Amino acid sequence: MMSFLTTLLSFIVAISILVAIHEYGHFIVAKKLGVKILRFSIGFGKPIWIKRFGVDQTEFCIARWPLGGYVKMLDRRETEVDEKEQQREFTSQPVWKRFAIVAAGPIFNFLFAIVAYWLMFVIGVSGIKPVIGNVEDGSVAARAGLKAGYEIVAINQHPTPIWDVAVQDLIAAVVDRSQAKIELVDNQGRKLTRSLDFSSQTGEIKVEQLFKQLGMKPWRPHVAPVVGTVVENSPAARAGFKKDDIIVSIQHKKVNDWVEVVETVTAKPAQTLEIEVLRQGRAVLLKVTPDKISYKGKEIGRIGLAAKAIAPYPEEMKVMHRYGFTEAFPVAMGKTADYTALTLKMLGRIFTGEMSIKSLSGPVSIARYAGYSASAGLARFLDFLALVSISLGILNLLPVPVLDGGHLVFYIIEIIRRKPLSDETQETASQVGLVLLFSLMAVALYNDLVRVFG
């Protein structure tokens, strides 16, 4: 229950912040350009709090449903306009003013992302050094010359102090189908350079399976595959597992450590597995079917076992990724630009069919990630806010009527034609845009429900 409340509260806080930033962009630019603002609302539906400010008595309100917001300007299409206030009516403004007001919302999302990343880097993000663990024979990583124990220090001349950064750079190369030039330090401290070339890869891109596609894993402390706890009434208990059982193999494949046990079981929800254990020196074959559960937006298997001993990461593997007060600003700008470019490329791959539309996430996934990041600390929550803010900015710039990007297209057409499109044409286009937007939202929500319920 507490986890649900944390997730819900984190989601409401995150959405409220991002909507407020977006709408404030519209609000402040419209106000500076002389357009009258009637209402600034966080949320939709019936207002639950209203306060009026300023000479114009602009209404600032919080509405019942916190899944969006809007700025209501004086607009002849929605209300009668007094002749004395005609010059402050939105549609009467020169096209460049209307363009600036509409574009300000997404722009403020990108500016907020820079500020959030800057604060995140000043606070510092804890992480693990990107040291390579197991490398499968014949895999992409093995053919490139990557070996267990090598530390990735840079990718395409971009320093990678923690795995988070290294993974993002690798994903960028995969999505771009380009080459990743990797700078490494081997077990003896020697500097090496290797390349992962994704230019010839074809087929659907699945960034969530990055390490599986590369054939390597991040280094983790060794945990012996010895059972420490068997959860009552779990699949493992029903299958006959006992404390101190040593797991030897799963599906006739030898197991070296507990991580392999977890990875194999989580990847096989609702699939019966044959697991060989060593019990008091005697080999015992057990059959178990993992329960299917939802975890971090994915369907995984769980049988109800815990290791006898969990080895923590040694202190020398832990890194606090941070920058100085002024040094963090250009880094934040670069990260915002990089993630914006990566998101645009991923969207392009979805539209061309190279990435599955299942990659789209909706409000349920966003709420879950909000909860996870909030529980991980302020720096991680800021990272989450920046990512979603960038996504919100990009979404609003899509050339779909009813979105900011659609209105910007109308204004570009107006500049070219030297006259606006008729109200009827804009209304028809907006209706089509509304259908497209709801269709996109429906797909994203469907993906969420599949992740939760399977």
Foldseek 3Di string as FASTA:
>chain_A
DVLVVLLVVLLLVLLQVLQLLLQVQLVVLLVVVQAAWAEWEQADDAFPDWAFDDPSRHIYTYHDGRRHIHIDTAAVVVDPDDPVCVVNHQVVDPLVSNLSSLLRSLVSLLVLLLVLQLVLQAVWDKAFFQFWADADPPFLCVVQPDHGGKTFQDWPNHGDRHPVVVLLSLLLCQLVQAKIWTWIQHPVRDIDITIRGRVPDAAADDSVCVCVNRRTDGDDDFAFQFWQDADPPFQCVVQPDDHRWGWQDKQPHGDGGNVVVQVVQFVQAQDKIWIWTQDPNDIDITIGHFHWAFDLLATTGDGGTDGNDDDDDDPVRMDTRHDHNVVSNVVSSVVSVSLLVSVVSVVVCCVVVNYPLLPAAASLSLSSCSSVQVVVDSSSNSNSSSNVSSVVSVVLLPCQQVGSVVVSVQSVVCVVVVHGDDPVVSVVSNVVSVVVVVVSNVSNVVSSCVSGPD
